[in-house]
Amino acid sequence: MGISSHLARLRAVIGHELVLLPSVSVIVVDDHGRLLLVRHTGDRDAWAVPGGAVDIGESPAQAAVREIREETGLQIGQVRLLDVLGGTDYEVTYPNGDQVAYVTAVYQAGIADGNPAPDQEEISELGWFTPSQLPDVDLNRFTRALLHATGHLAT
């Protein structure tokens, strides 16, 4: 979906200035213990944990379910909150110059239904990785910090 109408209105006033934004990140784990990672459109080098911004009127848990459905086509279940993270590792500057400081509610979830496929709007590629593969995967800074913080990636 890209940017929400609320954030678009805010950006019209503040431009590219740093904005604090609530978000969700979802560590989707399959029956084999593999983690789902995505590549965002326009960022073909780094892998990331799927997720996105929490919309107005939406709970973080609802946002987690919605974001995974929109980005991958999967229905998730067994959703549980792992952590809430923020700080400089979770600041992002987008190619258009927009700056965001995310505070992200990190969830872990299993697959309830569906076959994963990238939406091709926000996500260009999906991949499944075992925990032992993660140290060798090119992860973006945000994802590396998140996986360290949640114990999914050893230091």
N, C-alpha and C. Protein backbone atom coordinates (compact mmCIF):
# COMPACT_ATOMS: atom_id res chain seq x y z
N MET A 1 0.82 -1.19 0.00
CA MET A 1 0.00 0.00 0.00
C MET A 1 0.86 1.26 0.00
N GLY A 2 2.06 1.23 0.54
CA GLY A 2 2.87 2.44 0.59
C GLY A 2 2.52 3.31 1.77
N ILE A 3 2.44 4.59 1.54
CA ILE A 3 2.22 5.57 2.60
C ILE A 3 0.71 5.76 2.85
N SER A 4 0.34 5.84 4.14
CA SER A 4 -1.07 6.04 4.49
C SER A 4 -1.48 7.48 4.18
N SER A 5 -2.77 7.70 4.07
CA SER A 5 -3.26 9.07 3.80
C SER A 5 -2.91 10.00 4.97
N HIS A 6 -2.94 9.48 6.19
CA HIS A 6 -2.57 10.29 7.36
C HIS A 6 -1.12 10.75 7.26
N LEU A 7 -0.21 9.82 6.94
CA LEU A 7 1.20 10.18 6.84
C LEU A 7 1.44 11.09 5.64
N ALA A 8 0.72 10.90 4.57
CA ALA A 8 0.85 11.78 3.40
C ALA A 8 0.47 13.21 3.76
N ARG A 9 -0.61 13.39 4.55
CA ARG A 9 -1.00 14.73 4.99
C ARG A 9 0.07 15.33 5.90
N LEU A 10 0.62 14.53 6.79
CA LEU A 10 1.67 14.99 7.69
C LEU A 10 2.92 15.39 6.90
N ARG A 11 3.31 14.59 5.93
CA ARG A 11 4.48 14.88 5.09
C ARG A 11 4.27 16.17 4.29
N ALA A 12 3.04 16.47 3.91
CA ALA A 12 2.76 17.71 3.17
C ALA A 12 3.09 18.94 4.02
N VAL A 13 3.02 18.78 5.35
CA VAL A 13 3.31 19.88 6.25
C VAL A 13 4.78 19.90 6.67
N ILE A 14 5.33 18.74 7.01
CA ILE A 14 6.69 18.70 7.57
C ILE A 14 7.77 18.33 6.57
N GLY A 15 7.38 17.96 5.37
CA GLY A 15 8.38 17.57 4.37
C GLY A 15 9.08 16.29 4.76
N HIS A 16 10.40 16.28 4.62
CA HIS A 16 11.19 15.07 4.86
C HIS A 16 11.69 14.96 6.30
N GLU A 17 11.28 15.89 7.18
CA GLU A 17 11.76 15.90 8.57
C GLU A 17 11.52 14.55 9.25
N LEU A 18 12.35 14.28 10.26
CA LEU A 18 12.23 13.05 11.04
C LEU A 18 10.90 13.02 11.78
N VAL A 19 10.18 11.91 11.64
CA VAL A 19 8.90 11.73 12.31
C VAL A 19 8.94 10.40 13.07
N LEU A 20 8.41 10.41 14.29
CA LEU A 20 8.29 9.20 15.10
C LEU A 20 7.03 8.46 14.65
N LEU A 21 7.16 7.16 14.34
CA LEU A 21 6.05 6.43 13.76
C LEU A 21 5.91 5.06 14.40
N PRO A 22 4.71 4.72 14.90
CA PRO A 22 4.49 3.37 15.42
C PRO A 22 4.42 2.38 14.28
N SER A 23 5.04 1.21 14.48
CA SER A 23 5.04 0.19 13.43
C SER A 23 5.04 -1.19 14.05
N VAL A 24 4.94 -2.18 13.19
CA VAL A 24 5.03 -3.58 13.59
C VAL A 24 6.05 -4.28 12.72
N SER A 25 6.69 -5.26 13.29
CA SER A 25 7.58 -6.16 12.57
C SER A 25 7.14 -7.57 12.95
N VAL A 26 7.07 -8.46 11.97
CA VAL A 26 6.54 -9.79 12.24
C VAL A 26 7.56 -10.84 11.83
N ILE A 27 7.98 -11.62 12.81
CA ILE A 27 8.86 -12.75 12.55
C ILE A 27 7.96 -13.95 12.31
N VAL A 28 7.78 -14.30 11.04
CA VAL A 28 6.94 -15.42 10.66
C VAL A 28 7.83 -16.66 10.62
N VAL A 29 7.42 -17.70 11.36
CA VAL A 29 8.20 -18.92 11.45
C VAL A 29 7.34 -20.07 10.91
N ASP A 30 7.93 -20.85 9.98
CA ASP A 30 7.18 -21.97 9.41
C ASP A 30 7.35 -23.23 10.26
N ASP A 31 6.74 -24.33 9.82
CA ASP A 31 6.77 -25.59 10.58
C ASP A 31 8.17 -26.19 10.66
N HIS A 32 9.10 -25.71 9.84
CA HIS A 32 10.48 -26.21 9.85
C HIS A 32 11.41 -25.31 10.65
N GLY A 33 10.85 -24.29 11.31
CA GLY A 33 11.64 -23.37 12.11
C GLY A 33 12.36 -22.29 11.31
N ARG A 34 12.00 -22.15 10.03
CA ARG A 34 12.62 -21.13 9.19
C ARG A 34 11.89 -19.80 9.34
N LEU A 35 12.64 -18.71 9.20
CA LEU A 35 12.08 -17.36 9.30
C LEU A 35 11.85 -16.79 7.90
N LEU A 36 10.73 -16.12 7.73
CA LEU A 36 10.40 -15.46 6.47
C LEU A 36 11.05 -14.09 6.44
N LEU A 37 11.84 -13.83 5.42
CA LEU A 37 12.42 -12.51 5.20
C LEU A 37 11.98 -12.01 3.83
N VAL A 38 11.98 -10.71 3.67
CA VAL A 38 11.52 -10.09 2.42
C VAL A 38 12.57 -9.11 1.91
N ARG A 39 12.51 -8.86 0.61
CA ARG A 39 13.27 -7.77 0.01
C ARG A 39 12.26 -6.72 -0.43
N HIS A 40 12.48 -5.49 0.00
CA HIS A 40 11.59 -4.41 -0.39
C HIS A 40 11.90 -3.98 -1.82
N THR A 41 10.87 -3.59 -2.53
CA THR A 41 11.01 -3.09 -3.88
C THR A 41 11.99 -1.92 -3.86
N GLY A 42 12.97 -1.94 -4.73
CA GLY A 42 13.96 -0.87 -4.79
C GLY A 42 15.16 -1.11 -3.88
N ASP A 43 15.13 -2.16 -3.05
CA ASP A 43 16.24 -2.49 -2.16
C ASP A 43 16.55 -3.97 -2.33
N ARG A 44 17.10 -4.31 -3.47
CA ARG A 44 17.33 -5.71 -3.81
C ARG A 44 18.51 -6.33 -3.08
N ASP A 45 19.28 -5.54 -2.34
CA ASP A 45 20.46 -6.09 -1.70
C ASP A 45 20.20 -6.65 -0.31
N ALA A 46 19.36 -6.00 0.47
CA ALA A 46 19.20 -6.38 1.87
C ALA A 46 17.87 -7.06 2.14
N TRP A 47 17.92 -8.05 3.02
CA TRP A 47 16.71 -8.74 3.47
C TRP A 47 16.19 -8.08 4.73
N ALA A 48 14.88 -8.19 4.96
CA ALA A 48 14.23 -7.55 6.10
C ALA A 48 13.12 -8.44 6.65
N VAL A 49 12.76 -8.18 7.90
CA VAL A 49 11.57 -8.79 8.49
C VAL A 49 10.37 -8.01 7.97
N PRO A 50 9.31 -8.68 7.54
CA PRO A 50 8.15 -7.94 7.03
C PRO A 50 7.44 -7.16 8.14
N GLY A 51 6.75 -6.11 7.73
CA GLY A 51 6.00 -5.29 8.67
C GLY A 51 5.65 -3.97 8.06
N GLY A 52 5.23 -3.04 8.91
CA GLY A 52 4.87 -1.72 8.41
C GLY A 52 4.24 -0.87 9.49
N ALA A 53 3.73 0.27 9.08
CA ALA A 53 3.16 1.24 10.00
C ALA A 53 1.80 0.80 10.53
N VAL A 54 1.51 1.22 11.75
CA VAL A 54 0.20 1.01 12.36
C VAL A 54 -0.69 2.15 11.88
N ASP A 55 -1.83 1.81 11.31
CA ASP A 55 -2.78 2.82 10.84
C ASP A 55 -3.60 3.38 12.01
N ILE A 56 -4.13 4.59 11.84
CA ILE A 56 -5.01 5.19 12.85
C ILE A 56 -6.22 4.29 13.04
N GLY A 57 -6.56 4.05 14.32
CA GLY A 57 -7.71 3.22 14.66
C GLY A 57 -7.42 1.73 14.66
N GLU A 58 -6.18 1.36 14.44
CA GLU A 58 -5.79 -0.05 14.33
C GLU A 58 -4.88 -0.40 15.50
N SER A 59 -5.06 -1.57 16.07
CA SER A 59 -4.14 -2.02 17.12
C SER A 59 -2.87 -2.55 16.45
N PRO A 60 -1.75 -2.57 17.18
CA PRO A 60 -0.54 -3.16 16.60
C PRO A 60 -0.75 -4.61 16.15
N ALA A 61 -1.48 -5.41 16.92
CA ALA A 61 -1.72 -6.80 16.54
C ALA A 61 -2.51 -6.87 15.22
N GLN A 62 -3.51 -6.00 15.07
CA GLN A 62 -4.26 -5.95 13.81
C GLN A 62 -3.35 -5.53 12.65
N ALA A 63 -2.46 -4.58 12.91
CA ALA A 63 -1.53 -4.14 11.87
C ALA A 63 -0.61 -5.27 11.45
N ALA A 64 -0.17 -6.08 12.40
CA ALA A 64 0.71 -7.21 12.08
C ALA A 64 0.01 -8.19 11.13
N VAL A 65 -1.21 -8.53 11.44
CA VAL A 65 -1.98 -9.45 10.59
C VAL A 65 -2.20 -8.84 9.21
N ARG A 66 -2.60 -7.55 9.17
CA ARG A 66 -2.86 -6.88 7.90
C ARG A 66 -1.60 -6.78 7.04
N GLU A 67 -0.49 -6.35 7.64
CA GLU A 67 0.75 -6.17 6.87
C GLU A 67 1.22 -7.48 6.25
N ILE A 68 1.17 -8.56 6.99
CA ILE A 68 1.60 -9.85 6.43
C ILE A 68 0.68 -10.28 5.30
N ARG A 69 -0.62 -10.09 5.49
CA ARG A 69 -1.58 -10.45 4.43
C ARG A 69 -1.34 -9.61 3.18
N GLU A 70 -1.16 -8.29 3.35
CA GLU A 70 -0.95 -7.40 2.19
C GLU A 70 0.36 -7.69 1.48
N GLU A 71 1.43 -7.89 2.24
CA GLU A 71 2.76 -8.02 1.64
C GLU A 71 3.06 -9.42 1.10
N THR A 72 2.49 -10.46 1.75
CA THR A 72 2.88 -11.83 1.39
C THR A 72 1.72 -12.74 1.00
N GLY A 73 0.48 -12.33 1.28
CA GLY A 73 -0.67 -13.17 1.00
C GLY A 73 -0.93 -14.22 2.07
N LEU A 74 -0.10 -14.27 3.11
CA LEU A 74 -0.28 -15.26 4.17
C LEU A 74 -1.25 -14.78 5.24
N GLN A 75 -2.00 -15.74 5.79
CA GLN A 75 -2.78 -15.51 7.00
C GLN A 75 -1.92 -16.06 8.14
N ILE A 76 -1.68 -15.25 9.16
CA ILE A 76 -0.85 -15.70 10.26
C ILE A 76 -1.71 -16.03 11.47
N GLY A 77 -1.19 -16.90 12.32
CA GLY A 77 -1.85 -17.30 13.56
C GLY A 77 -0.83 -17.39 14.67
N GLN A 78 -1.29 -17.69 15.86
CA GLN A 78 -0.41 -17.81 17.03
C GLN A 78 0.46 -16.56 17.18
N VAL A 79 -0.15 -15.40 17.00
CA VAL A 79 0.57 -14.13 17.05
C VAL A 79 0.86 -13.78 18.51
N ARG A 80 2.15 -13.56 18.80
CA ARG A 80 2.50 -13.16 20.17
C ARG A 80 3.54 -12.06 20.14
N LEU A 81 3.36 -11.11 21.05
CA LEU A 81 4.25 -9.98 21.16
C LEU A 81 5.57 -10.42 21.79
N LEU A 82 6.70 -10.10 21.13
CA LEU A 82 8.02 -10.43 21.64
C LEU A 82 8.69 -9.25 22.34
N ASP A 83 8.56 -8.05 21.76
CA ASP A 83 9.29 -6.90 22.27
C ASP A 83 8.76 -5.64 21.60
N VAL A 84 9.12 -4.50 22.16
CA VAL A 84 8.86 -3.20 21.54
C VAL A 84 10.21 -2.50 21.48
N LEU A 85 10.63 -2.12 20.27
CA LEU A 85 11.98 -1.61 20.05
C LEU A 85 11.97 -0.24 19.40
N GLY A 86 12.98 0.53 19.69
CA GLY A 86 13.16 1.84 19.08
C GLY A 86 14.59 2.29 19.29
N GLY A 87 14.92 3.46 18.78
CA GLY A 87 16.27 3.99 18.91
C GLY A 87 16.91 4.17 17.55
N THR A 88 18.17 4.54 17.54
CA THR A 88 18.83 4.90 16.28
C THR A 88 18.90 3.76 15.28
N ASP A 89 18.97 2.50 15.74
CA ASP A 89 19.00 1.38 14.80
C ASP A 89 17.70 1.25 14.01
N TYR A 90 16.65 1.91 14.48
CA TYR A 90 15.34 1.79 13.84
C TYR A 90 14.94 3.08 13.13
N GLU A 91 15.92 3.94 12.88
CA GLU A 91 15.71 5.14 12.08
C GLU A 91 16.03 4.81 10.62
N VAL A 92 15.19 5.28 9.73
CA VAL A 92 15.33 4.99 8.30
C VAL A 92 15.20 6.28 7.51
N THR A 93 16.06 6.44 6.52
CA THR A 93 15.91 7.51 5.54
C THR A 93 15.60 6.84 4.21
N TYR A 94 14.45 7.14 3.66
CA TYR A 94 14.00 6.53 2.41
C TYR A 94 14.63 7.23 1.21
N PRO A 95 14.66 6.59 0.05
CA PRO A 95 15.27 7.19 -1.15
C PRO A 95 14.72 8.58 -1.50
N ASN A 96 13.45 8.84 -1.15
CA ASN A 96 12.88 10.15 -1.46
C ASN A 96 13.26 11.21 -0.43
N GLY A 97 14.03 10.82 0.62
CA GLY A 97 14.48 11.75 1.64
C GLY A 97 13.66 11.74 2.92
N ASP A 98 12.49 11.08 2.92
CA ASP A 98 11.68 10.99 4.14
C ASP A 98 12.47 10.28 5.24
N GLN A 99 12.44 10.87 6.44
CA GLN A 99 13.13 10.28 7.60
C GLN A 99 12.09 9.81 8.62
N VAL A 100 12.28 8.58 9.11
CA VAL A 100 11.35 8.00 10.06
C VAL A 100 12.13 7.36 11.20
N ALA A 101 11.69 7.63 12.43
CA ALA A 101 12.18 6.93 13.62
C ALA A 101 11.05 5.99 14.04
N TYR A 102 11.23 4.71 13.77
CA TYR A 102 10.19 3.73 14.09
C TYR A 102 10.28 3.27 15.53
N VAL A 103 9.13 3.12 16.16
CA VAL A 103 8.99 2.35 17.38
C VAL A 103 8.18 1.15 16.95
N THR A 104 8.81 -0.03 16.98
CA THR A 104 8.19 -1.20 16.39
C THR A 104 7.82 -2.24 17.43
N ALA A 105 6.57 -2.67 17.38
CA ALA A 105 6.10 -3.80 18.18
C ALA A 105 6.46 -5.05 17.38
N VAL A 106 7.29 -5.90 17.97
CA VAL A 106 7.77 -7.09 17.27
C VAL A 106 6.93 -8.29 17.69
N TYR A 107 6.35 -8.93 16.70
CA TYR A 107 5.52 -10.12 16.92
C TYR A 107 6.19 -11.33 16.29
N GLN A 108 5.90 -12.49 16.86
CA GLN A 108 6.25 -13.74 16.21
C GLN A 108 4.94 -14.45 15.89
N ALA A 109 4.89 -15.10 14.74
CA ALA A 109 3.65 -15.75 14.32
C ALA A 109 3.96 -16.98 13.48
N GLY A 110 2.98 -17.87 13.45
CA GLY A 110 3.04 -19.02 12.57
C GLY A 110 2.13 -18.78 11.38
N ILE A 111 2.14 -19.72 10.46
CA ILE A 111 1.31 -19.63 9.26
C ILE A 111 -0.01 -20.35 9.52
N ALA A 112 -1.12 -19.65 9.31
CA ALA A 112 -2.44 -20.25 9.46
C ALA A 112 -2.98 -20.73 8.12
N ASP A 113 -2.67 -19.97 7.04
CA ASP A 113 -3.20 -20.33 5.72
C ASP A 113 -2.50 -19.52 4.64
N GLY A 114 -2.50 -20.07 3.44
CA GLY A 114 -1.99 -19.33 2.29
C GLY A 114 -0.64 -19.80 1.80
N ASN A 115 -0.33 -19.38 0.60
CA ASN A 115 0.97 -19.64 -0.01
C ASN A 115 1.66 -18.30 -0.20
N PRO A 116 2.85 -18.15 0.37
CA PRO A 116 3.49 -16.83 0.32
C PRO A 116 3.89 -16.42 -1.09
N ALA A 117 3.63 -15.16 -1.39
CA ALA A 117 4.03 -14.56 -2.66
C ALA A 117 4.22 -13.06 -2.43
N PRO A 118 5.27 -12.48 -2.96
CA PRO A 118 5.48 -11.04 -2.77
C PRO A 118 4.39 -10.24 -3.49
N ASP A 119 3.99 -9.14 -2.89
CA ASP A 119 2.93 -8.32 -3.49
C ASP A 119 3.40 -7.54 -4.71
N GLN A 120 4.70 -7.44 -4.93
CA GLN A 120 5.33 -6.73 -6.05
C GLN A 120 5.12 -5.22 -6.01
N GLU A 121 4.39 -4.73 -5.00
CA GLU A 121 4.26 -3.29 -4.82
C GLU A 121 5.29 -2.82 -3.79
N GLU A 122 5.24 -3.42 -2.62
CA GLU A 122 6.22 -3.10 -1.57
C GLU A 122 7.31 -4.16 -1.47
N ILE A 123 6.96 -5.40 -1.77
CA ILE A 123 7.87 -6.54 -1.60
C ILE A 123 8.15 -7.16 -2.96
N SER A 124 9.44 -7.32 -3.27
CA SER A 124 9.82 -7.90 -4.56
C SER A 124 10.21 -9.37 -4.47
N GLU A 125 10.58 -9.83 -3.27
CA GLU A 125 11.06 -11.20 -3.12
C GLU A 125 10.86 -11.68 -1.69
N LEU A 126 10.59 -12.98 -1.54
CA LEU A 126 10.47 -13.62 -0.23
C LEU A 126 11.50 -14.73 -0.14
N GLY A 127 11.94 -15.01 1.08
CA GLY A 127 12.86 -16.13 1.28
C GLY A 127 12.71 -16.69 2.68
N TRP A 128 12.96 -17.98 2.80
CA TRP A 128 12.91 -18.67 4.09
C TRP A 128 14.33 -18.99 4.51
N PHE A 129 14.67 -18.69 5.77
CA PHE A 129 16.03 -18.86 6.25
C PHE A 129 16.02 -19.55 7.61
N THR A 130 16.91 -20.53 7.78
CA THR A 130 17.07 -21.17 9.08
C THR A 130 17.86 -20.23 9.98
N PRO A 131 17.71 -20.36 11.29
CA PRO A 131 18.51 -19.52 12.19
C PRO A 131 20.01 -19.63 11.93
N SER A 132 20.50 -20.80 11.56
CA SER A 132 21.93 -20.96 11.30
C SER A 132 22.39 -20.22 10.04
N GLN A 133 21.49 -19.93 9.13
CA GLN A 133 21.83 -19.19 7.91
C GLN A 133 21.88 -17.68 8.13
N LEU A 134 21.18 -17.19 9.14
CA LEU A 134 21.02 -15.74 9.33
C LEU A 134 22.33 -14.96 9.44
N PRO A 135 23.38 -15.46 10.12
CA PRO A 135 24.61 -14.66 10.20
C PRO A 135 25.23 -14.35 8.83
N ASP A 136 24.96 -15.17 7.83
CA ASP A 136 25.55 -14.97 6.50
C ASP A 136 24.63 -14.24 5.53
N VAL A 137 23.43 -13.89 5.97
CA VAL A 137 22.45 -13.22 5.11
C VAL A 137 22.69 -11.71 5.18
N ASP A 138 22.59 -11.04 4.03
CA ASP A 138 22.71 -9.58 3.98
C ASP A 138 21.42 -8.97 4.50
N LEU A 139 21.44 -8.59 5.78
CA LEU A 139 20.27 -8.01 6.44
C LEU A 139 20.43 -6.50 6.52
N ASN A 140 19.32 -5.77 6.39
CA ASN A 140 19.44 -4.33 6.61
C ASN A 140 19.67 -4.05 8.09
N ARG A 141 20.13 -2.84 8.42
CA ARG A 141 20.50 -2.49 9.80
C ARG A 141 19.33 -2.71 10.76
N PHE A 142 18.16 -2.27 10.38
CA PHE A 142 16.94 -2.40 11.19
C PHE A 142 16.71 -3.88 11.55
N THR A 143 16.74 -4.74 10.54
CA THR A 143 16.46 -6.16 10.75
C THR A 143 17.55 -6.84 11.57
N ARG A 144 18.81 -6.51 11.31
CA ARG A 144 19.91 -7.09 12.09
C ARG A 144 19.73 -6.73 13.57
N ALA A 145 19.44 -5.47 13.88
CA ALA A 145 19.24 -5.04 15.26
C ALA A 145 18.03 -5.75 15.88
N LEU A 146 16.94 -5.86 15.13
CA LEU A 146 15.72 -6.49 15.61
C LEU A 146 15.96 -7.98 15.91
N LEU A 147 16.63 -8.69 15.02
CA LEU A 147 16.88 -10.12 15.23
C LEU A 147 17.85 -10.36 16.38
N HIS A 148 18.81 -9.45 16.56
CA HIS A 148 19.70 -9.53 17.74
C HIS A 148 18.88 -9.32 19.01
N ALA A 149 18.07 -8.28 19.04
CA ALA A 149 17.30 -7.93 20.24
C ALA A 149 16.32 -9.03 20.66
N THR A 150 15.79 -9.76 19.69
CA THR A 150 14.81 -10.80 20.00
C THR A 150 15.44 -12.18 20.17
N GLY A 151 16.75 -12.27 20.04
CA GLY A 151 17.45 -13.53 20.24
C GLY A 151 17.43 -14.47 19.05
N HIS A 152 17.01 -13.98 17.89
CA HIS A 152 16.98 -14.82 16.69
C HIS A 152 18.30 -14.83 15.94
N LEU A 153 19.19 -13.90 16.30
CA LEU A 153 20.49 -13.78 15.63
C LEU A 153 21.54 -13.60 16.72
N ALA A 154 22.48 -14.51 16.77
CA ALA A 154 23.54 -14.42 17.79
C ALA A 154 24.47 -13.26 17.45
N THR A 155 25.05 -12.68 18.46
CA THR A 155 25.98 -11.54 18.25
C THR A 155 27.35 -12.03 17.84
